[in-house]
Amino acid sequence: MAIKSFDEFWPFYVGEHSLKTTRVFHFWGTNLVIASIIAGLATRNPLWILAAPVGGYGPAWISHFFIEKNKPASFKHPLWSLMADFVMWSKQVRGIMDAEVALYVPQTRIQAKDSVLTEA
């Protein structure tokens, strides 16, 4: 089934970020993006703007490959992933992202991933 809207994409995105550590990596990566853009605008130095994707994608991809053990959603859905990352960031700032995960991701799946991490 092809995903045709952001509303369809969001539950998939949440499922790909079921572990809290992955979401924390994304949160700090998004903060680096925001800081890089602000620094670029404040200093008028375009290198800061060019650094923004590295700051954002670096921590996110590390968390997907080594913590969540999946492929980043941005590989198949780059624009929706970018939008979803800022939605997730906003929900983390407001303290409601864990509830979003509980809504869309079965707890048995999260517990299974956590047990694999603790056994490694």
PDB file of N, CA and C in Angstrom:
ATOM      1  N   MET A   1       0.848  -1.188   0.000  1.00  0.00           N
ATOM      2  CA  MET A   1       0.000   0.000   0.000  1.00  0.00           C
ATOM      3  C   MET A   1       0.890   1.248   0.000  1.00  0.00           C
ATOM      4  N   ALA A   2       0.660   2.104  -0.953  1.00  0.00           N
ATOM      5  CA  ALA A   2       1.435   3.340  -1.046  1.00  0.00           C
ATOM      6  C   ALA A   2       0.857   4.391  -0.099  1.00  0.00           C
ATOM      7  N   ILE A   3       1.742   5.101   0.559  1.00  0.00           N
ATOM      8  CA  ILE A   3       1.325   6.181   1.453  1.00  0.00           C
ATOM      9  C   ILE A   3       1.023   7.400   0.594  1.00  0.00           C
ATOM     10  N   LYS A   4      -0.188   7.955   0.766  1.00  0.00           N
ATOM     11  CA  LYS A   4      -0.636   9.030  -0.114  1.00  0.00           C
ATOM     12  C   LYS A   4      -0.790  10.376   0.570  1.00  0.00           C
ATOM     13  N   SER A   5      -0.666  10.418   1.889  1.00  0.00           N
ATOM     14  CA  SER A   5      -0.837  11.690   2.593  1.00  0.00           C
ATOM     15  C   SER A   5       0.016  11.694   3.858  1.00  0.00           C
ATOM     16  N   PHE A   6       0.214  12.888   4.399  1.00  0.00           N
ATOM     17  CA  PHE A   6       0.968  12.989   5.641  1.00  0.00           C
ATOM     18  C   PHE A   6       0.237  12.280   6.774  1.00  0.00           C
ATOM     19  N   ASP A   7      -1.088  12.356   6.778  1.00  0.00           N
ATOM     20  CA  ASP A   7      -1.871  11.674   7.821  1.00  0.00           C
ATOM     21  C   ASP A   7      -1.656  10.160   7.787  1.00  0.00           C
ATOM     22  N   GLU A   8      -1.453   9.599   6.604  1.00  0.00           N
ATOM     23  CA  GLU A   8      -1.139   8.177   6.494  1.00  0.00           C
ATOM     24  C   GLU A   8       0.316   7.906   6.878  1.00  0.00           C
ATOM     25  N   PHE A   9       1.186   8.856   6.584  1.00  0.00           N
ATOM     26  CA  PHE A   9       2.613   8.691   6.847  1.00  0.00           C
ATOM     27  C   PHE A   9       2.940   8.760   8.336  1.00  0.00           C
ATOM     28  N   TRP A  10       2.244   9.622   9.070  1.00  0.00           N
ATOM     29  CA  TRP A  10       2.583   9.868  10.475  1.00  0.00           C
ATOM     30  C   TRP A  10       2.625   8.593  11.327  1.00  0.00           C
ATOM     31  N   PRO A  11       1.609   7.713  11.296  1.00  0.00           N
ATOM     32  CA  PRO A  11       1.695   6.492  12.110  1.00  0.00           C
ATOM     33  C   PRO A  11       2.909   5.623  11.741  1.00  0.00           C
ATOM     34  N   PHE A  12       3.227   5.552  10.453  1.00  0.00           N
ATOM     35  CA  PHE A  12       4.420   4.822  10.018  1.00  0.00           C
ATOM     36  C   PHE A  12       5.672   5.455  10.619  1.00  0.00           C
ATOM     37  N   TYR A  13       5.754   6.773  10.545  1.00  0.00           N
ATOM     38  CA  TYR A  13       6.912   7.503  11.071  1.00  0.00           C
ATOM     39  C   TYR A  13       7.065   7.273  12.574  1.00  0.00           C
ATOM     40  N   VAL A  14       5.960   7.343  13.282  1.00  0.00           N
ATOM     41  CA  VAL A  14       5.996   7.110  14.734  1.00  0.00           C
ATOM     42  C   VAL A  14       6.500   5.694  15.019  1.00  0.00           C
ATOM     43  N   GLY A  15       6.043   4.727  14.245  1.00  0.00           N
ATOM     44  CA  GLY A  15       6.493   3.352  14.426  1.00  0.00           C
ATOM     45  C   GLY A  15       7.981   3.170  14.184  1.00  0.00           C
ATOM     46  N   GLU A  16       8.526   3.963  13.275  1.00  0.00           N
ATOM     47  CA  GLU A  16       9.956   3.895  12.977  1.00  0.00           C
ATOM     48  C   GLU A  16      10.795   4.595  14.045  1.00  0.00           C
ATOM     49  N   HIS A  17      10.126   5.261  14.982  1.00  0.00           N
ATOM     50  CA  HIS A  17      10.787   5.987  16.077  1.00  0.00           C
ATOM     51  C   HIS A  17      10.222   5.529  17.414  1.00  0.00           C
ATOM     52  N   SER A  18      10.041   4.218  17.548  1.00  0.00           N
ATOM     53  CA  SER A  18       9.365   3.689  18.735  1.00  0.00           C
ATOM     54  C   SER A  18      10.222   3.751  19.995  1.00  0.00           C
ATOM     55  N   LEU A  19      11.529   3.743  19.840  1.00  0.00           N
ATOM     56  CA  LEU A  19      12.400   3.782  21.019  1.00  0.00           C
ATOM     57  C   LEU A  19      12.720   5.222  21.408  1.00  0.00           C
ATOM     58  N   LYS A  20      12.618   5.486  22.690  1.00  0.00           N
ATOM     59  CA  LYS A  20      12.832   6.847  23.196  1.00  0.00           C
ATOM     60  C   LYS A  20      14.226   7.374  22.841  1.00  0.00           C
ATOM     61  N   THR A  21      15.237   6.523  22.880  1.00  0.00           N
ATOM     62  CA  THR A  21      16.598   6.972  22.563  1.00  0.00           C
ATOM     63  C   THR A  21      16.682   7.487  21.130  1.00  0.00           C
ATOM     64  N   THR A  22      16.002   6.821  20.211  1.00  0.00           N
ATOM     65  CA  THR A  22      15.973   7.293  18.825  1.00  0.00           C
ATOM     66  C   THR A  22      15.365   8.685  18.758  1.00  0.00           C
ATOM     67  N   ARG A  23      14.275   8.872  19.480  1.00  0.00           N
ATOM     68  CA  ARG A  23      13.615  10.179  19.465  1.00  0.00           C
ATOM     69  C   ARG A  23      14.495  11.253  20.090  1.00  0.00           C
ATOM     70  N   VAL A  24      15.273  10.902  21.106  1.00  0.00           N
ATOM     71  CA  VAL A  24      16.191  11.867  21.729  1.00  0.00           C
ATOM     72  C   VAL A  24      17.280  12.271  20.729  1.00  0.00           C
ATOM     73  N   PHE A  25      17.829  11.303  20.003  1.00  0.00           N
ATOM     74  CA  PHE A  25      18.828  11.629  18.980  1.00  0.00           C
ATOM     75  C   PHE A  25      18.235  12.581  17.939  1.00  0.00           C
ATOM     76  N   HIS A  26      17.010  12.305  17.516  1.00  0.00           N
ATOM     77  CA  HIS A  26      16.335  13.184  16.554  1.00  0.00           C
ATOM     78  C   HIS A  26      16.133  14.581  17.137  1.00  0.00           C
ATOM     79  N   PHE A  27      15.715  14.633  18.382  1.00  0.00           N
ATOM     80  CA  PHE A  27      15.463  15.923  19.033  1.00  0.00           C
ATOM     81  C   PHE A  27      16.720  16.782  19.013  1.00  0.00           C
ATOM     82  N   TRP A  28      17.854  16.208  19.414  1.00  0.00           N
ATOM     83  CA  TRP A  28      19.095  16.992  19.450  1.00  0.00           C
ATOM     84  C   TRP A  28      19.604  17.291  18.048  1.00  0.00           C
ATOM     85  N   GLY A  29      19.369  16.384  17.109  1.00  0.00           N
ATOM     86  CA  GLY A  29      19.722  16.676  15.720  1.00  0.00           C
ATOM     87  C   GLY A  29      18.919  17.844  15.172  1.00  0.00           C
ATOM     88  N   THR A  30      17.638  17.879  15.477  1.00  0.00           N
ATOM     89  CA  THR A  30      16.794  18.994  15.035  1.00  0.00           C
ATOM     90  C   THR A  30      17.221  20.289  15.709  1.00  0.00           C
ATOM     91  N   ASN A  31      17.599  20.215  16.971  1.00  0.00           N
ATOM     92  CA  ASN A  31      18.131  21.413  17.637  1.00  0.00           C
ATOM     93  C   ASN A  31      19.390  21.912  16.940  1.00  0.00           C
ATOM     94  N   LEU A  32      20.247  20.996  16.493  1.00  0.00           N
ATOM     95  CA  LEU A  32      21.449  21.400  15.754  1.00  0.00           C
ATOM     96  C   LEU A  32      21.088  22.074  14.434  1.00  0.00           C
ATOM     97  N   VAL A  33      20.066  21.570  13.765  1.00  0.00           N
ATOM     98  CA  VAL A  33      19.603  22.193  12.518  1.00  0.00           C
ATOM     99  C   VAL A  33      19.147  23.621  12.789  1.00  0.00           C
ATOM    100  N   ILE A  34      18.302  23.779  13.783  1.00  0.00           N
ATOM    101  CA  ILE A  34      17.780  25.111  14.118  1.00  0.00           C
ATOM    102  C   ILE A  34      18.920  26.047  14.496  1.00  0.00           C
ATOM    103  N   ALA A  35      19.848  25.572  15.325  1.00  0.00           N
ATOM    104  CA  ALA A  35      20.984  26.404  15.749  1.00  0.00           C
ATOM    105  C   ALA A  35      21.870  26.772  14.563  1.00  0.00           C
ATOM    106  N   SER A  36      22.095  25.830  13.655  1.00  0.00           N
ATOM    107  CA  SER A  36      22.927  26.109  12.478  1.00  0.00           C
ATOM    108  C   SER A  36      22.288  27.159  11.582  1.00  0.00           C
ATOM    109  N   ILE A  37      20.997  27.062  11.397  1.00  0.00           N
ATOM    110  CA  ILE A  37      20.302  28.045  10.556  1.00  0.00           C
ATOM    111  C   ILE A  37      20.336  29.418  11.214  1.00  0.00           C
ATOM    112  N   ILE A  38      20.080  29.469  12.505  1.00  0.00           N
ATOM    113  CA  ILE A  38      20.144  30.753  13.220  1.00  0.00           C
ATOM    114  C   ILE A  38      21.551  31.332  13.141  1.00  0.00           C
ATOM    115  N   ALA A  39      22.564  30.498  13.362  1.00  0.00           N
ATOM    116  CA  ALA A  39      23.956  30.976  13.287  1.00  0.00           C
ATOM    117  C   ALA A  39      24.280  31.475  11.885  1.00  0.00           C
ATOM    118  N   GLY A  40      23.811  30.770  10.875  1.00  0.00           N
ATOM    119  CA  GLY A  40      24.050  31.193   9.496  1.00  0.00           C
ATOM    120  C   GLY A  40      23.417  32.529   9.184  1.00  0.00           C
ATOM    121  N   LEU A  41      22.195  32.716   9.652  1.00  0.00           N
ATOM    122  CA  LEU A  41      21.512  33.994   9.421  1.00  0.00           C
ATOM    123  C   LEU A  41      22.152  35.117  10.229  1.00  0.00           C
ATOM    124  N   ALA A  42      22.522  34.824  11.463  1.00  0.00           N
ATOM    125  CA  ALA A  42      23.101  35.854  12.336  1.00  0.00           C
ATOM    126  C   ALA A  42      24.479  36.298  11.861  1.00  0.00           C
ATOM    127  N   THR A  43      25.265  35.342  11.372  1.00  0.00           N
ATOM    128  CA  THR A  43      26.634  35.676  10.959  1.00  0.00           C
ATOM    129  C   THR A  43      26.756  35.917   9.459  1.00  0.00           C
ATOM    130  N   ARG A  44      25.683  35.623   8.746  1.00  0.00           N
ATOM    131  CA  ARG A  44      25.679  35.698   7.278  1.00  0.00           C
ATOM    132  C   ARG A  44      26.764  34.808   6.674  1.00  0.00           C
ATOM    133  N   ASN A  45      27.030  33.734   7.363  1.00  0.00           N
ATOM    134  CA  ASN A  45      28.017  32.762   6.908  1.00  0.00           C
ATOM    135  C   ASN A  45      27.268  31.529   6.393  1.00  0.00           C
ATOM    136  N   PRO A  46      27.282  31.288   5.088  1.00  0.00           N
ATOM    137  CA  PRO A  46      26.516  30.173   4.524  1.00  0.00           C
ATOM    138  C   PRO A  46      27.013  28.794   4.953  1.00  0.00           C
ATOM    139  N   LEU A  47      28.211  28.714   5.486  1.00  0.00           N
ATOM    140  CA  LEU A  47      28.711  27.411   5.938  1.00  0.00           C
ATOM    141  C   LEU A  47      27.851  26.832   7.053  1.00  0.00           C
ATOM    142  N   TRP A  48      27.306  27.711   7.899  1.00  0.00           N
ATOM    143  CA  TRP A  48      26.409  27.238   8.956  1.00  0.00           C
ATOM    144  C   TRP A  48      25.159  26.591   8.354  1.00  0.00           C
ATOM    145  N   ILE A  49      24.630  27.209   7.304  1.00  0.00           N
ATOM    146  CA  ILE A  49      23.433  26.666   6.647  1.00  0.00           C
ATOM    147  C   ILE A  49      23.770  25.315   6.014  1.00  0.00           C
ATOM    148  N   LEU A  50      24.941  25.240   5.387  1.00  0.00           N
ATOM    149  CA  LEU A  50      25.356  23.983   4.770  1.00  0.00           C
ATOM    150  C   LEU A  50      25.589  22.886   5.812  1.00  0.00           C
ATOM    151  N   ALA A  51      25.950  23.276   7.021  1.00  0.00           N
ATOM    152  CA  ALA A  51      26.183  22.302   8.094  1.00  0.00           C
ATOM    153  C   ALA A  51      24.878  21.761   8.677  1.00  0.00           C
ATOM    154  N   ALA A  52      23.779  22.449   8.459  1.00  0.00           N
ATOM    155  CA  ALA A  52      22.506  22.054   9.069  1.00  0.00           C
ATOM    156  C   ALA A  52      22.104  20.609   8.754  1.00  0.00           C
ATOM    157  N   PRO A  53      22.156  20.171   7.490  1.00  0.00           N
ATOM    158  CA  PRO A  53      21.764  18.775   7.231  1.00  0.00           C
ATOM    159  C   PRO A  53      22.652  17.748   7.938  1.00  0.00           C
ATOM    160  N   VAL A  54      23.939  18.046   8.048  1.00  0.00           N
ATOM    161  CA  VAL A  54      24.847  17.126   8.748  1.00  0.00           C
ATOM    162  C   VAL A  54      24.445  17.021  10.218  1.00  0.00           C
ATOM    163  N   GLY A  55      24.162  18.165  10.831  1.00  0.00           N
ATOM    164  CA  GLY A  55      23.741  18.178  12.230  1.00  0.00           C
ATOM    165  C   GLY A  55      22.425  17.465  12.451  1.00  0.00           C
ATOM    166  N   GLY A  56      21.531  17.557  11.478  1.00  0.00           N
ATOM    167  CA  GLY A  56      20.230  16.909  11.613  1.00  0.00           C
ATOM    168  C   GLY A  56      20.255  15.434  11.281  1.00  0.00           C
ATOM    169  N   TYR A  57      20.806  15.120  10.115  1.00  0.00           N
ATOM    170  CA  TYR A  57      20.790  13.728   9.670  1.00  0.00           C
ATOM    171  C   TYR A  57      21.797  12.854  10.403  1.00  0.00           C
ATOM    172  N   GLY A  58      22.926  13.414  10.808  1.00  0.00           N
ATOM    173  CA  GLY A  58      23.950  12.613  11.486  1.00  0.00           C
ATOM    174  C   GLY A  58      23.413  11.867  12.696  1.00  0.00           C
ATOM    175  N   PRO A  59      22.937  12.582  13.709  1.00  0.00           N
ATOM    176  CA  PRO A  59      22.403  11.886  14.891  1.00  0.00           C
ATOM    177  C   PRO A  59      21.195  11.002  14.560  1.00  0.00           C
ATOM    178  N   ALA A  60      20.342  11.473  13.650  1.00  0.00           N
ATOM    179  CA  ALA A  60      19.144  10.699  13.307  1.00  0.00           C
ATOM    180  C   ALA A  60      19.523   9.363  12.678  1.00  0.00           C
ATOM    181  N   TRP A  61      20.404   9.396  11.699  1.00  0.00           N
ATOM    182  CA  TRP A  61      20.783   8.157  11.021  1.00  0.00           C
ATOM    183  C   TRP A  61      21.541   7.223  11.947  1.00  0.00           C
ATOM    184  N   ILE A  62      22.405   7.763  12.795  1.00  0.00           N
ATOM    185  CA  ILE A  62      23.102   6.919  13.772  1.00  0.00           C
ATOM    186  C   ILE A  62      22.080   6.182  14.635  1.00  0.00           C
ATOM    187  N   SER A  63      21.052   6.912  15.075  1.00  0.00           N
ATOM    188  CA  SER A  63      20.045   6.278  15.938  1.00  0.00           C
ATOM    189  C   SER A  63      19.264   5.202  15.196  1.00  0.00           C
ATOM    190  N   HIS A  64      18.996   5.414  13.912  1.00  0.00           N
ATOM    191  CA  HIS A  64      18.257   4.400  13.158  1.00  0.00           C
ATOM    192  C   HIS A  64      19.096   3.148  12.931  1.00  0.00           C
ATOM    193  N   PHE A  65      20.335   3.330  12.529  1.00  0.00           N
ATOM    194  CA  PHE A  65      21.177   2.173  12.212  1.00  0.00           C
ATOM    195  C   PHE A  65      21.599   1.382  13.445  1.00  0.00           C
ATOM    196  N   PHE A  66      21.902   2.068  14.542  1.00  0.00           N
ATOM    197  CA  PHE A  66      22.497   1.389  15.694  1.00  0.00           C
ATOM    198  C   PHE A  66      21.558   1.209  16.891  1.00  0.00           C
ATOM    199  N   ILE A  67      20.483   1.966  16.960  1.00  0.00           N
ATOM    200  CA  ILE A  67      19.576   1.864  18.107  1.00  0.00           C
ATOM    201  C   ILE A  67      18.240   1.258  17.682  1.00  0.00           C
ATOM    202  N   GLU A  68      17.576   1.909  16.744  1.00  0.00           N
ATOM    203  CA  GLU A  68      16.260   1.437  16.304  1.00  0.00           C
ATOM    204  C   GLU A  68      16.394   0.229  15.372  1.00  0.00           C
ATOM    205  N   LYS A  69      17.557   0.089  14.736  1.00  0.00           N
ATOM    206  CA  LYS A  69      17.855  -1.019  13.810  1.00  0.00           C
ATOM    207  C   LYS A  69      16.895  -1.041  12.621  1.00  0.00           C
ATOM    208  N   ASN A  70      16.697   0.134  12.021  1.00  0.00           N
ATOM    209  CA  ASN A  70      15.878   0.221  10.819  1.00  0.00           C
ATOM    210  C   ASN A  70      16.483   1.260   9.881  1.00  0.00           C
ATOM    211  N   LYS A  71      15.871   1.405   8.721  1.00  0.00           N
ATOM    212  CA  LYS A  71      16.336   2.405   7.763  1.00  0.00           C
ATOM    213  C   LYS A  71      15.562   3.695   7.998  1.00  0.00           C
ATOM    214  N   PRO A  72      16.242   4.830   7.911  1.00  0.00           N
ATOM    215  CA  PRO A  72      15.541   6.105   8.090  1.00  0.00           C
ATOM    216  C   PRO A  72      14.396   6.262   7.084  1.00  0.00           C
ATOM    217  N   ALA A  73      13.279   6.762   7.557  1.00  0.00           N
ATOM    218  CA  ALA A  73      12.127   7.006   6.684  1.00  0.00           C
ATOM    219  C   ALA A  73      12.467   8.023   5.603  1.00  0.00           C
ATOM    220  N   SER A  74      13.469   8.854   5.860  1.00  0.00           N
ATOM    221  CA  SER A  74      13.854   9.888   4.888  1.00  0.00           C
ATOM    222  C   SER A  74      14.392   9.285   3.597  1.00  0.00           C
ATOM    223  N   PHE A  75      14.796   8.025   3.600  1.00  0.00           N
ATOM    224  CA  PHE A  75      15.293   7.400   2.382  1.00  0.00           C
ATOM    225  C   PHE A  75      14.190   7.267   1.340  1.00  0.00           C
ATOM    226  N   LYS A  76      12.968   6.958   1.787  1.00  0.00           N
ATOM    227  CA  LYS A  76      11.853   6.764   0.854  1.00  0.00           C
ATOM    228  C   LYS A  76      10.908   7.960   0.787  1.00  0.00           C
ATOM    229  N   HIS A  77      10.809   8.706   1.870  1.00  0.00           N
ATOM    230  CA  HIS A  77       9.851   9.816   1.952  1.00  0.00           C
ATOM    231  C   HIS A  77      10.544  11.054   2.530  1.00  0.00           C
ATOM    232  N   PRO A  78      11.461  11.660   1.783  1.00  0.00           N
ATOM    233  CA  PRO A  78      12.269  12.746   2.371  1.00  0.00           C
ATOM    234  C   PRO A  78      11.469  13.963   2.839  1.00  0.00           C
ATOM    235  N   LEU A  79      10.499  14.413   2.071  1.00  0.00           N
ATOM    236  CA  LEU A  79       9.761  15.622   2.477  1.00  0.00           C
ATOM    237  C   LEU A  79       8.833  15.352   3.653  1.00  0.00           C
ATOM    238  N   TRP A  80       8.105  14.248   3.592  1.00  0.00           N
ATOM    239  CA  TRP A  80       7.235  13.918   4.720  1.00  0.00           C
ATOM    240  C   TRP A  80       8.053  13.637   5.972  1.00  0.00           C
ATOM    241  N   SER A  81       9.224  13.040   5.803  1.00  0.00           N
ATOM    242  CA  SER A  81      10.094  12.786   6.959  1.00  0.00           C
ATOM    243  C   SER A  81      10.567  14.086   7.595  1.00  0.00           C
ATOM    244  N   LEU A  82      10.907  15.050   6.758  1.00  0.00           N
ATOM    245  CA  LEU A  82      11.329  16.350   7.281  1.00  0.00           C
ATOM    246  C   LEU A  82      10.189  17.002   8.060  1.00  0.00           C
ATOM    247  N   MET A  83       8.996  16.989   7.474  1.00  0.00           N
ATOM    248  CA  MET A  83       7.829  17.542   8.171  1.00  0.00           C
ATOM    249  C   MET A  83       7.580  16.795   9.480  1.00  0.00           C
ATOM    250  N   ALA A  84       7.633  15.472   9.409  1.00  0.00           N
ATOM    251  CA  ALA A  84       7.350  14.653  10.590  1.00  0.00           C
ATOM    252  C   ALA A  84       8.391  14.871  11.680  1.00  0.00           C
ATOM    253  N   ASP A  85       9.634  15.115  11.279  1.00  0.00           N
ATOM    254  CA  ASP A  85      10.673  15.351  12.275  1.00  0.00           C
ATOM    255  C   ASP A  85      10.365  16.606  13.089  1.00  0.00           C
ATOM    256  N   PHE A  86       9.889  17.648  12.413  1.00  0.00           N
ATOM    257  CA  PHE A  86       9.548  18.872  13.143  1.00  0.00           C
ATOM    258  C   PHE A  86       8.266  18.708  13.959  1.00  0.00           C
ATOM    259  N   VAL A  87       7.336  17.895  13.467  1.00  0.00           N
ATOM    260  CA  VAL A  87       6.141  17.586  14.269  1.00  0.00           C
ATOM    261  C   VAL A  87       6.563  16.821  15.523  1.00  0.00           C
ATOM    262  N   MET A  88       7.439  15.828  15.349  1.00  0.00           N
ATOM    263  CA  MET A  88       7.913  15.057  16.503  1.00  0.00           C
ATOM    264  C   MET A  88       8.675  15.955  17.473  1.00  0.00           C
ATOM    265  N   TRP A  89       9.522  16.833  16.956  1.00  0.00           N
ATOM    266  CA  TRP A  89      10.274  17.768  17.801  1.00  0.00           C
ATOM    267  C   TRP A  89       9.306  18.610  18.633  1.00  0.00           C
ATOM    268  N   SER A  90       8.269  19.123  17.973  1.00  0.00           N
ATOM    269  CA  SER A  90       7.273  19.947  18.659  1.00  0.00           C
ATOM    270  C   SER A  90       6.559  19.154  19.754  1.00  0.00           C
ATOM    271  N   LYS A  91       6.208  17.923  19.451  1.00  0.00           N
ATOM    272  CA  LYS A  91       5.534  17.082  20.449  1.00  0.00           C
ATOM    273  C   LYS A  91       6.477  16.738  21.605  1.00  0.00           C
ATOM    274  N   GLN A  92       7.775  16.599  21.320  1.00  0.00           N
ATOM    275  CA  GLN A  92       8.740  16.350  22.391  1.00  0.00           C
ATOM    276  C   GLN A  92       8.865  17.582  23.288  1.00  0.00           C
ATOM    277  N   VAL A  93       8.918  18.755  22.683  1.00  0.00           N
ATOM    278  CA  VAL A  93       9.005  19.998  23.465  1.00  0.00           C
ATOM    279  C   VAL A  93       7.795  20.117  24.388  1.00  0.00           C
ATOM    280  N   ARG A  94       6.624  19.734  23.888  1.00  0.00           N
ATOM    281  CA  ARG A  94       5.391  19.835  24.670  1.00  0.00           C
ATOM    282  C   ARG A  94       5.161  18.636  25.586  1.00  0.00           C
ATOM    283  N   GLY A  95       6.039  17.627  25.506  1.00  0.00           N
ATOM    284  CA  GLY A  95       5.925  16.464  26.381  1.00  0.00           C
ATOM    285  C   GLY A  95       4.818  15.494  26.019  1.00  0.00           C
ATOM    286  N   ILE A  96       4.417  15.461  24.750  1.00  0.00           N
ATOM    287  CA  ILE A  96       3.309  14.585  24.365  1.00  0.00           C
ATOM    288  C   ILE A  96       3.702  13.503  23.352  1.00  0.00           C
ATOM    289  N   MET A  97       4.975  13.397  23.012  1.00  0.00           N
ATOM    290  CA  MET A  97       5.386  12.414  22.005  1.00  0.00           C
ATOM    291  C   MET A  97       5.274  10.985  22.518  1.00  0.00           C
ATOM    292  N   ASP A  98       5.562  10.753  23.780  1.00  0.00           N
ATOM    293  CA  ASP A  98       5.433   9.393  24.321  1.00  0.00           C
ATOM    294  C   ASP A  98       3.995   8.887  24.187  1.00  0.00           C
ATOM    295  N   ALA A  99       3.034   9.763  24.380  1.00  0.00           N
ATOM    296  CA  ALA A  99       1.626   9.378  24.225  1.00  0.00           C
ATOM    297  C   ALA A  99       1.320   9.041  22.769  1.00  0.00           C
ATOM    298  N   GLU A 100       1.953   9.747  21.859  1.00  0.00           N
ATOM    299  CA  GLU A 100       1.770   9.482  20.430  1.00  0.00           C
ATOM    300  C   GLU A 100       2.313   8.086  20.086  1.00  0.00           C
ATOM    301  N   VAL A 101       3.455   7.749  20.639  1.00  0.00           N
ATOM    302  CA  VAL A 101       4.024   6.414  20.419  1.00  0.00           C
ATOM    303  C   VAL A 101       3.096   5.353  21.005  1.00  0.00           C
ATOM    304  N   ALA A 102       2.593   5.585  22.200  1.00  0.00           N
ATOM    305  CA  ALA A 102       1.674   4.629  22.831  1.00  0.00           C
ATOM    306  C   ALA A 102       0.413   4.432  21.993  1.00  0.00           C
ATOM    307  N   LEU A 103      -0.009   5.472  21.303  1.00  0.00           N
ATOM    308  CA  LEU A 103      -1.203   5.401  20.462  1.00  0.00           C
ATOM    309  C   LEU A 103      -0.980   4.531  19.226  1.00  0.00           C
ATOM    310  N   TYR A 104       0.196   4.633  18.618  1.00  0.00           N
ATOM    311  CA  TYR A 104       0.434   3.986  17.326  1.00  0.00           C
ATOM    312  C   TYR A 104       1.290   2.727  17.363  1.00  0.00           C
ATOM    313  N   VAL A 105       2.049   2.505  18.431  1.00  0.00           N
ATOM    314  CA  VAL A 105       2.994   1.383  18.445  1.00  0.00           C
ATOM    315  C   VAL A 105       2.630   0.416  19.567  1.00  0.00           C
ATOM    316  N   PRO A 106       2.404  -0.858  19.233  1.00  0.00           N
ATOM    317  CA  PRO A 106       2.123  -1.839  20.291  1.00  0.00           C
ATOM    318  C   PRO A 106       3.292  -1.942  21.268  1.00  0.00           C
ATOM    319  N   GLN A 107       2.992  -1.972  22.549  1.00  0.00           N
ATOM    320  CA  GLN A 107       4.038  -2.022  23.571  1.00  0.00           C
ATOM    321  C   GLN A 107       4.887  -3.288  23.463  1.00  0.00           C
ATOM    322  N   THR A 108       4.307  -4.372  22.975  1.00  0.00           N
ATOM    323  CA  THR A 108       5.085  -5.603  22.834  1.00  0.00           C
ATOM    324  C   THR A 108       6.233  -5.410  21.851  1.00  0.00           C
ATOM    325  N   ARG A 109       6.010  -4.624  20.819  1.00  0.00           N
ATOM    326  CA  ARG A 109       7.067  -4.358  19.838  1.00  0.00           C
ATOM    327  C   ARG A 109       8.194  -3.540  20.459  1.00  0.00           C
ATOM    328  N   ILE A 110       7.833  -2.542  21.247  1.00  0.00           N
ATOM    329  CA  ILE A 110       8.838  -1.706  21.906  1.00  0.00           C
ATOM    330  C   ILE A 110       9.629  -2.542  22.912  1.00  0.00           C
ATOM    331  N   GLN A 111       8.935  -3.374  23.687  1.00  0.00           N
ATOM    332  CA  GLN A 111       9.614  -4.210  24.681  1.00  0.00           C
ATOM    333  C   GLN A 111      10.561  -5.195  24.009  1.00  0.00           C
ATOM    334  N   ALA A 112      10.168  -5.736  22.860  1.00  0.00           N
ATOM    335  CA  ALA A 112      11.036  -6.672  22.143  1.00  0.00           C
ATOM    336  C   ALA A 112      12.306  -5.972  21.678  1.00  0.00           C
ATOM    337  N   LYS A 113      12.177  -4.763  21.154  1.00  0.00           N
ATOM    338  CA  LYS A 113      13.356  -4.006  20.726  1.00  0.00           C
ATOM    339  C   LYS A 113      14.239  -3.673  21.916  1.00  0.00           C
ATOM    340  N   ASP A 114      13.635  -3.261  23.015  1.00  0.00           N
ATOM    341  CA  ASP A 114      14.406  -2.926  24.214  1.00  0.00           C
ATOM    342  C   ASP A 114      15.167  -4.145  24.736  1.00  0.00           C
ATOM    343  N   SER A 115      14.548  -5.318  24.706  1.00  0.00           N
ATOM    344  CA  SER A 115      15.223  -6.508  25.221  1.00  0.00           C
ATOM    345  C   SER A 115      16.402  -6.891  24.337  1.00  0.00           C
ATOM    346  N   VAL A 116      16.299  -6.689  23.047  1.00  0.00           N
ATOM    347  CA  VAL A 116      17.421  -6.949  22.144  1.00  0.00           C
ATOM    348  C   VAL A 116      18.571  -6.011  22.470  1.00  0.00           C
ATOM    349  N   LEU A 117      18.265  -4.760  22.768  1.00  0.00           N
ATOM    350  CA  LEU A 117      19.307  -3.786  23.096  1.00  0.00           C
ATOM    351  C   LEU A 117      20.002  -4.128  24.406  1.00  0.00           C
ATOM    352  N   THR A 118      19.257  -4.579  25.388  1.00  0.00           N
ATOM    353  CA  THR A 118      19.871  -4.863  26.687  1.00  0.00           C
ATOM    354  C   THR A 118      20.667  -6.162  26.664  1.00  0.00           C
ATOM    355  N   GLU A 119      20.321  -7.070  25.762  1.00  0.00           N
ATOM    356  CA  GLU A 119      21.064  -8.325  25.653  1.00  0.00           C
ATOM    357  C   GLU A 119      22.364  -8.152  24.885  1.00  0.00           C
ATOM    358  N   ALA A 120      22.440  -7.147  24.041  1.00  0.00           N
ATOM    359  CA  ALA A 120      23.623  -6.957  23.181  1.00  0.00           C
ATOM    360  C   ALA A 120      24.832  -6.515  23.959  1.00  0.00           C
TER     361      ALA A 120
END
